[in-house]
């Protein structure tokens, strides 16, 4: 789980624990996803884009490069076979 509104993460963690009886993996700075980021300033990349890239790599690793497009506000992430987001 990740959020572009960090103050709400705790609320969603509580909801998931209470109603779904699960503890979510929260992606924050420092979480190892297996995706290397070569963006000039990695801190500018939101956790949502990193999670999208990690999921695409996991699901489509055998097909080569994957482009992930998130339509709000249209960031574009390019994930290479070497698990690099740029």
C-alpha atoms as a PDB file:
ATOM      1  CA  UNK A   1       0.000   0.000   0.000  1.00  0.00           C
ATOM      2  CA  UNK A   2       1.181   3.499  -0.697  1.00  0.00           C
ATOM      3  CA  UNK A   3      -0.375   6.894  -0.558  1.00  0.00           C
ATOM      4  CA  UNK A   4       0.225  10.383  -1.845  1.00  0.00           C
ATOM      5  CA  UNK A   5      -1.412  11.531   1.399  1.00  0.00           C
ATOM      6  CA  UNK A   6       0.932  10.106   4.063  1.00  0.00           C
ATOM      7  CA  UNK A   7      -1.151  11.273   7.052  1.00  0.00           C
ATOM      8  CA  UNK A   8      -3.918   8.846   5.953  1.00  0.00           C
ATOM      9  CA  UNK A   9      -1.688   5.757   5.827  1.00  0.00           C
ATOM     10  CA  UNK A  10      -2.289   4.923   9.499  1.00  0.00           C
ATOM     11  CA  UNK A  11      -6.052   5.161   9.009  1.00  0.00           C
ATOM     12  CA  UNK A  12      -5.977   2.764   6.060  1.00  0.00           C
ATOM     13  CA  UNK A  13      -3.670   0.379   7.924  1.00  0.00           C
ATOM     14  CA  UNK A  14      -6.181   0.273  10.770  1.00  0.00           C
ATOM     15  CA  UNK A  15      -9.083  -0.334   8.374  1.00  0.00           C
ATOM     16  CA  UNK A  16      -7.278  -3.174   6.623  1.00  0.00           C
ATOM     17  CA  UNK A  17      -6.368  -4.823   9.917  1.00  0.00           C
ATOM     18  CA  UNK A  18      -9.858  -4.464  11.347  1.00  0.00           C
ATOM     19  CA  UNK A  19     -12.044  -5.388   8.380  1.00  0.00           C
ATOM     20  CA  UNK A  20      -9.779  -7.582   6.247  1.00  0.00           C
ATOM     21  CA  UNK A  21      -7.680  -9.156   9.024  1.00  0.00           C
ATOM     22  CA  UNK A  22      -4.451  -8.368   7.180  1.00  0.00           C
ATOM     23  CA  UNK A  23      -1.437  -6.197   7.717  1.00  0.00           C
ATOM     24  CA  UNK A  24      -0.516  -4.271   4.571  1.00  0.00           C
ATOM     25  CA  UNK A  25       2.993  -3.771   3.265  1.00  0.00           C
ATOM     26  CA  UNK A  26       3.405  -0.012   3.307  1.00  0.00           C
ATOM     27  CA  UNK A  27       5.804   1.313   0.691  1.00  0.00           C
ATOM     28  CA  UNK A  28       7.711   4.286   2.026  1.00  0.00           C
ATOM     29  CA  UNK A  29      11.180   5.700   1.549  1.00  0.00           C
ATOM     30  CA  UNK A  30      13.708   2.939   2.079  1.00  0.00           C
ATOM     31  CA  UNK A  31      11.485  -0.060   1.301  1.00  0.00           C
ATOM     32  CA  UNK A  32      13.318  -2.450  -1.030  1.00  0.00           C
ATOM     33  CA  UNK A  33      11.146  -3.107  -4.108  1.00  0.00           C
ATOM     34  CA  UNK A  34      13.732  -4.518  -6.508  1.00  0.00           C
ATOM     35  CA  UNK A  35      13.332  -1.496  -8.789  1.00  0.00           C
ATOM     36  CA  UNK A  36      16.407   0.706  -9.261  1.00  0.00           C
ATOM     37  CA  UNK A  37      15.539   4.357  -9.795  1.00  0.00           C
ATOM     38  CA  UNK A  38      17.731   6.398 -12.148  1.00  0.00           C
ATOM     39  CA  UNK A  39      15.560   9.497 -12.086  1.00  0.00           C
ATOM     40  CA  UNK A  40      17.628  12.661 -11.430  1.00  0.00           C
ATOM     41  CA  UNK A  41      15.953  13.251  -8.044  1.00  0.00           C
ATOM     42  CA  UNK A  42      14.506   9.919  -6.820  1.00  0.00           C
ATOM     43  CA  UNK A  43      12.669  11.599  -3.936  1.00  0.00           C
ATOM     44  CA  UNK A  44      10.405  13.280  -6.490  1.00  0.00           C
ATOM     45  CA  UNK A  45       8.987   9.932  -7.592  1.00  0.00           C
ATOM     46  CA  UNK A  46       5.863   9.050  -5.671  1.00  0.00           C
ATOM     47  CA  UNK A  47       5.476   5.700  -3.950  1.00  0.00           C
ATOM     48  CA  UNK A  48       2.518   4.958  -6.241  1.00  0.00           C
ATOM     49  CA  UNK A  49       4.799   5.025  -9.298  1.00  0.00           C
ATOM     50  CA  UNK A  50       7.354   2.784  -7.601  1.00  0.00           C
ATOM     51  CA  UNK A  51       4.671   0.275  -6.609  1.00  0.00           C
ATOM     52  CA  UNK A  52       3.271   0.304 -10.169  1.00  0.00           C
ATOM     53  CA  UNK A  53       6.732  -0.385 -11.574  1.00  0.00           C
ATOM     54  CA  UNK A  54       7.409  -3.188  -9.072  1.00  0.00           C
ATOM     55  CA  UNK A  55       4.041  -4.805  -9.839  1.00  0.00           C
ATOM     56  CA  UNK A  56       4.597  -4.543 -13.603  1.00  0.00           C
ATOM     57  CA  UNK A  57       8.048  -6.078 -13.226  1.00  0.00           C
ATOM     58  CA  UNK A  58       6.601  -8.938 -11.182  1.00  0.00           C
ATOM     59  CA  UNK A  59       3.725  -9.618 -13.585  1.00  0.00           C
ATOM     60  CA  UNK A  60       5.496  -9.104 -16.903  1.00  0.00           C
ATOM     61  CA  UNK A  61       9.177  -9.806 -16.171  1.00  0.00           C
ATOM     62  CA  UNK A  62       9.433 -12.361 -18.981  1.00  0.00           C
ATOM     63  CA  UNK A  63       8.231  -9.914 -21.657  1.00  0.00           C
ATOM     64  CA  UNK A  64      10.946  -7.266 -21.446  1.00  0.00           C
ATOM     65  CA  UNK A  65      10.316  -3.592 -20.896  1.00  0.00           C
ATOM     66  CA  UNK A  66       6.981  -2.346 -19.633  1.00  0.00           C
ATOM     67  CA  UNK A  67       5.660   1.201 -19.717  1.00  0.00           C
ATOM     68  CA  UNK A  68       3.408   2.148 -16.825  1.00  0.00           C
ATOM     69  CA  UNK A  69       1.111   5.129 -17.294  1.00  0.00           C
ATOM     70  CA  UNK A  70      -0.861   6.489 -14.364  1.00  0.00           C
ATOM     71  CA  UNK A  71      -3.463   8.921 -15.695  1.00  0.00           C
ATOM     72  CA  UNK A  72      -3.493  11.299 -12.747  1.00  0.00           C
ATOM     73  CA  UNK A  73      -1.689  13.694 -13.385  1.00  0.00           C
ATOM     74  CA  UNK A  74      -0.161  11.682 -16.238  1.00  0.00           C
ATOM     75  CA  UNK A  75       3.279  10.630 -14.978  1.00  0.00           C
ATOM     76  CA  UNK A  76       5.095   8.235 -17.283  1.00  0.00           C
ATOM     77  CA  UNK A  77       7.396   5.535 -15.938  1.00  0.00           C
ATOM     78  CA  UNK A  78       9.634   3.423 -18.121  1.00  0.00           C
ATOM     79  CA  UNK A  79      10.747   0.123 -16.603  1.00  0.00           C
ATOM     80  CA  UNK A  80      13.558  -1.697 -18.363  1.00  0.00           C
ATOM     81  CA  UNK A  81      14.403  -5.393 -18.223  1.00  0.00           C
ATOM     82  CA  UNK A  82      17.057  -4.519 -15.659  1.00  0.00           C
ATOM     83  CA  UNK A  83      14.345  -3.259 -13.286  1.00  0.00           C
ATOM     84  CA  UNK A  84      15.288   0.394 -13.717  1.00  0.00           C
ATOM     85  CA  UNK A  85      12.705   3.151 -13.509  1.00  0.00           C
ATOM     86  CA  UNK A  86      13.577   6.315 -15.375  1.00  0.00           C
END
